[in-house]
Amino acid sequence: MNYTNILIDLDDTLIDTAANTKAAVEEIYEDYDFEKYFGSFSDFFSFYHHNVSKLWIGYNNGSVTKEDIQKNRFYETLKHIEDFNDDKIKSINDDYIERIVKKEALIEGAIDLLDYLKQRYRIHILSNGFSEMQYQKMESARLCASDFDHIILSDVVGVNKPHPDIFAYSLNKIGAKKEEVIMIGDNIATDIMGAYNSGINQIWYNPEDAPTDNFTPTYTVKQLCEIKDIL
């Protein structure tokens, strides 16, 4: 294929959002003395992660709003504890956001891959993240916004991956035909199936070697450096 444009996810494809999240949540756990209420950070984080994952799944399919995530990120995990009323939980969420946007961890090979791609293709971020956070996260992680031809965020577009409308919007925005574009991302449902259902080829960054059901992405890699052998 003669690709001219790359759509690339941001969280957990370029920025190591999983590591950054865990670090920020552990700071919250320690600073707010959560050990009084949970057996260990591991116990707390498992409970927290389960609740937040459900919120993000709902957000991606349109049943949960951005405001729901901001309100309930910690609420579902702390609401059963008498010491945490709504105001305190909101304060904790605000504190968390201030911390997470300052974290710096990148996926191994992200900078090298971007340096390689930008010499050969037009590259565009396509993310379901929130606009008030994504630019700050990029700056903290040393990703220069000017290195990308477009930064397309779902809360600006008004529809999330994997909905075909955001892929149609992206093609129109970047001025490319679907056969000229390939999507790079880590999320099989939002990035890869979303692109597939829109007729766009995909590279699935799958470091855990997770299985797929009844679907084979165009390409699959375990490390970002492998993408240079494809493109």
Protein backbone atom coordinates (compact mmCIF):
# COMPACT_ATOMS: atom_id res chain seq x y z
CA MET A 1 0.00 0.00 0.00
CA ASN A 2 1.16 3.52 -0.79
CA TYR A 3 0.30 5.23 2.48
CA THR A 4 0.72 8.97 2.69
CA ASN A 5 -0.93 9.67 6.04
CA ILE A 6 -0.68 8.07 9.48
CA LEU A 7 -3.39 8.31 12.11
CA ILE A 8 -1.88 7.48 15.48
CA ASP A 9 -3.47 7.08 18.89
CA LEU A 10 -1.93 8.95 21.82
CA ASP A 11 -2.68 7.15 25.12
CA ASP A 12 -0.82 3.86 25.56
CA THR A 13 0.42 4.05 21.99
CA LEU A 14 2.81 7.00 22.37
CA ILE A 15 2.30 8.15 25.96
CA ASP A 16 2.54 5.41 28.60
CA THR A 17 -0.77 6.40 30.15
CA ALA A 18 -1.05 3.17 32.14
CA ALA A 19 2.25 3.82 33.93
CA ASN A 20 1.52 7.52 34.38
CA THR A 21 -1.93 6.78 35.77
CA LYS A 22 -0.62 4.25 38.26
CA ALA A 23 2.07 6.69 39.45
CA ALA A 24 -0.44 9.53 39.91
CA VAL A 25 -2.98 7.31 41.67
CA GLU A 26 -0.29 5.98 44.01
CA GLU A 27 0.58 9.56 44.97
CA ILE A 28 -3.09 10.20 45.71
CA TYR A 29 -3.29 7.00 47.73
CA GLU A 30 -0.36 8.06 49.89
CA ASP A 31 -1.19 11.75 50.25
CA TYR A 32 -4.81 11.15 51.25
CA ASP A 33 -3.98 8.29 53.65
CA PHE A 34 -6.04 5.72 51.79
CA GLU A 35 -4.17 2.98 53.65
CA LYS A 36 -6.65 3.62 56.46
CA TYR A 37 -9.42 2.26 54.27
CA PHE A 38 -7.77 -0.27 51.95
CA GLY A 39 -5.51 -3.21 52.70
CA SER A 40 -2.82 -2.13 50.24
CA PHE A 41 -2.25 0.10 47.26
CA SER A 42 -2.60 -2.97 45.07
CA ASP A 43 -6.07 -3.65 46.48
CA PHE A 44 -7.09 -0.04 46.02
CA PHE A 45 -5.69 0.28 42.52
CA SER A 46 -7.37 -2.92 41.36
CA PHE A 47 -10.74 -1.61 42.59
CA TYR A 48 -10.10 1.85 41.13
CA HIS A 49 -8.91 0.50 37.78
CA HIS A 50 -11.96 -1.76 37.45
CA ASN A 51 -14.32 1.15 38.04
CA VAL A 52 -12.52 3.58 35.74
CA SER A 53 -12.21 1.00 32.96
CA LYS A 54 -16.00 0.61 32.96
CA LEU A 55 -16.38 4.37 32.66
CA TRP A 56 -14.01 4.54 29.68
CA ILE A 57 -15.75 1.66 27.93
CA GLY A 58 -19.01 3.55 28.35
CA TYR A 59 -17.42 6.76 27.11
CA ASN A 60 -16.04 5.07 24.01
CA ASN A 61 -19.45 3.62 23.12
CA GLY A 62 -21.28 6.86 23.89
CA SER A 63 -23.22 5.81 27.00
CA VAL A 64 -21.00 7.75 29.44
CA THR A 65 -20.16 11.44 29.10
CA LYS A 66 -16.89 13.24 29.69
CA GLU A 67 -18.52 14.87 32.71
CA ASP A 68 -19.48 11.43 34.06
CA ILE A 69 -15.83 10.34 33.96
CA GLN A 70 -14.62 13.50 35.70
CA LYS A 71 -17.30 13.15 38.38
CA ASN A 72 -17.10 9.41 38.95
CA ARG A 73 -13.41 8.57 38.41
CA PHE A 74 -12.90 8.34 42.18
CA TYR A 75 -16.52 8.45 43.33
CA GLU A 76 -17.30 4.81 42.56
CA THR A 77 -14.22 3.74 44.52
CA LEU A 78 -14.69 6.00 47.56
CA LYS A 79 -18.45 6.52 47.87
CA HIS A 80 -18.83 3.76 50.46
CA ILE A 81 -16.41 5.47 52.86
CA GLU A 82 -18.05 7.94 55.26
CA ASP A 83 -15.00 10.23 55.38
CA PHE A 84 -15.29 11.04 51.66
CA ASN A 85 -18.21 13.26 50.75
CA ASP A 86 -18.92 14.56 47.24
CA ASP A 87 -16.88 17.72 47.70
CA LYS A 88 -13.82 15.87 48.96
CA ILE A 89 -14.01 13.34 46.15
CA LYS A 90 -14.23 16.18 43.61
CA SER A 91 -11.17 17.79 45.20
CA ILE A 92 -9.29 14.50 44.91
CA ASN A 93 -10.24 14.20 41.25
CA ASP A 94 -9.06 17.75 40.56
CA ASP A 95 -5.78 16.98 42.33
CA TYR A 96 -5.36 13.82 40.28
CA ILE A 97 -5.83 15.70 37.00
CA GLU A 98 -3.16 18.23 38.00
CA ARG A 99 -0.77 15.34 38.65
CA ILE A 100 -1.50 13.12 35.66
CA VAL A 101 -0.93 15.83 33.05
CA LYS A 102 2.60 16.35 34.42
CA LYS A 103 3.70 12.73 34.10
CA GLU A 104 6.39 12.05 31.51
CA ALA A 105 6.47 8.34 30.70
CA LEU A 106 6.41 7.37 27.04
CA ILE A 107 6.04 3.99 25.39
CA GLU A 108 9.49 2.65 24.55
CA GLY A 109 10.47 3.69 21.05
CA ALA A 110 7.83 6.42 20.67
CA ILE A 111 10.20 9.29 19.91
CA ASP A 112 12.31 7.21 17.53
CA LEU A 113 9.19 6.06 15.67
CA LEU A 114 7.85 9.61 15.34
CA ASP A 115 11.21 10.84 14.05
CA TYR A 116 11.11 8.08 11.44
CA LEU A 117 7.48 8.65 10.41
CA LYS A 118 7.54 12.44 10.12
CA GLN A 119 10.30 12.24 7.50
CA ARG A 120 8.14 10.00 5.32
CA TYR A 121 4.46 10.68 6.02
CA ARG A 122 1.98 13.25 7.25
CA ILE A 123 1.17 12.18 10.80
CA HIS A 124 -1.95 12.99 12.79
CA ILE A 125 -3.02 12.26 16.37
CA LEU A 126 -6.48 10.69 16.69
CA SER A 127 -7.42 10.43 20.37
CA ASN A 128 -10.45 9.94 22.59
CA GLY A 129 -8.72 11.97 25.31
CA PHE A 130 -9.92 15.29 26.65
CA SER A 131 -8.60 18.45 24.99
CA GLU A 132 -7.79 20.27 28.23
CA MET A 133 -5.54 17.37 29.22
CA GLN A 134 -4.05 15.96 26.03
CA TYR A 135 -1.97 18.98 25.06
CA GLN A 136 -0.57 19.25 28.59
CA LYS A 137 0.23 15.53 28.63
CA MET A 138 2.01 15.82 25.30
CA GLU A 139 4.11 18.73 26.52
CA SER A 140 5.06 16.89 29.72
CA ALA A 141 6.01 13.81 27.72
CA ARG A 142 8.15 15.90 25.33
CA LEU A 143 5.88 15.37 22.34
CA CYS A 144 5.84 18.55 20.27
CA ALA A 145 2.37 19.37 18.94
CA SER A 146 3.93 21.03 15.90
CA ASP A 147 5.40 17.66 14.85
CA PHE A 148 1.88 16.54 13.95
CA ASP A 149 -0.05 17.81 10.96
CA HIS A 150 -3.33 17.56 12.86
CA ILE A 151 -4.41 16.69 16.39
CA ILE A 152 -7.93 15.32 16.27
CA LEU A 153 -9.66 14.88 19.63
CA SER A 154 -13.01 13.21 20.09
CA ASP A 155 -14.42 15.74 22.53
CA VAL A 156 -13.81 18.46 19.92
CA VAL A 157 -15.30 16.40 17.09
CA GLY A 158 -18.25 15.33 19.24
CA VAL A 159 -17.97 11.60 18.56
CA ASN A 160 -15.56 8.95 19.85
CA LYS A 161 -13.57 6.15 18.30
CA PRO A 162 -14.67 3.56 17.22
CA HIS A 163 -17.65 5.37 15.66
CA PRO A 164 -17.20 5.61 11.89
CA ASP A 165 -18.08 9.32 11.96
CA ILE A 166 -14.81 10.26 13.66
CA PHE A 167 -12.83 8.33 11.06
CA ALA A 168 -14.82 9.99 8.26
CA TYR A 169 -14.18 13.35 9.91
CA SER A 170 -10.48 12.56 10.16
CA LEU A 171 -10.19 11.63 6.48
CA ASN A 172 -11.91 14.87 5.51
CA LYS A 173 -9.77 16.89 7.92
CA ILE A 174 -6.48 15.52 6.65
CA GLY A 175 -7.59 15.50 3.02
CA ALA A 176 -6.83 11.85 2.31
CA LYS A 177 -8.58 8.81 0.90
CA LYS A 178 -8.97 5.82 3.20
CA GLU A 179 -6.61 3.70 1.10
CA GLU A 180 -3.88 6.31 1.66
CA VAL A 181 -4.17 6.08 5.46
CA ILE A 182 -3.17 3.60 8.14
CA MET A 183 -4.17 3.73 11.81
CA ILE A 184 -1.69 2.88 14.60
CA GLY A 185 -3.14 2.17 18.02
CA ASP A 186 -3.18 -0.09 21.06
CA ASN A 187 -6.92 -0.48 21.64
CA ILE A 188 -8.36 -3.30 19.60
CA ALA A 189 -11.94 -2.02 19.94
CA THR A 190 -11.56 1.73 19.45
CA ASP A 191 -8.44 2.10 17.30
CA ILE A 192 -8.22 -1.11 15.32
CA MET A 193 -11.82 -2.28 14.86
CA GLY A 194 -12.87 1.34 14.45
CA ALA A 195 -10.42 1.81 11.58
CA TYR A 196 -11.24 -1.60 10.10
CA ASN A 197 -14.98 -0.85 10.03
CA SER A 198 -14.18 2.43 8.25
CA GLY A 199 -12.11 0.73 5.56
CA ILE A 200 -8.79 1.94 6.93
CA ASN A 201 -5.82 -0.39 7.38
CA GLN A 202 -4.37 -0.78 10.85
CA ILE A 203 -1.25 -1.53 12.86
CA TRP A 204 -2.14 -2.93 16.25
CA TYR A 205 0.42 -2.21 18.95
CA ASN A 206 -0.14 -5.30 21.09
CA PRO A 207 2.72 -5.63 23.61
CA GLU A 208 0.87 -8.22 25.69
CA ASP A 209 0.22 -10.46 22.69
CA ALA A 210 -3.51 -10.38 23.44
CA PRO A 211 -5.78 -12.56 21.30
CA THR A 212 -8.49 -11.30 18.96
CA ASP A 213 -11.84 -12.88 18.20
CA ASN A 214 -12.90 -13.32 14.57
CA PHE A 215 -10.71 -10.47 13.37
CA THR A 216 -7.15 -10.14 12.11
CA PRO A 217 -5.67 -6.62 12.00
CA THR A 218 -3.73 -5.65 8.90
CA TYR A 219 -0.53 -5.74 10.98
CA THR A 220 0.29 -6.51 14.60
CA VAL A 221 3.47 -5.54 16.48
CA LYS A 222 4.70 -6.06 20.01
CA GLN A 223 7.14 -3.15 19.93
CA LEU A 224 6.86 0.24 18.26
CA CYS A 225 10.24 -0.24 16.56
CA GLU A 226 8.71 -3.04 14.47
CA ILE A 227 6.53 -0.48 12.69
CA LYS A 228 9.58 0.81 10.82
CA ASP A 229 9.76 -2.57 9.08
CA ILE A 230 6.18 -2.10 7.86
CA LEU A 231 6.11 1.55 6.81
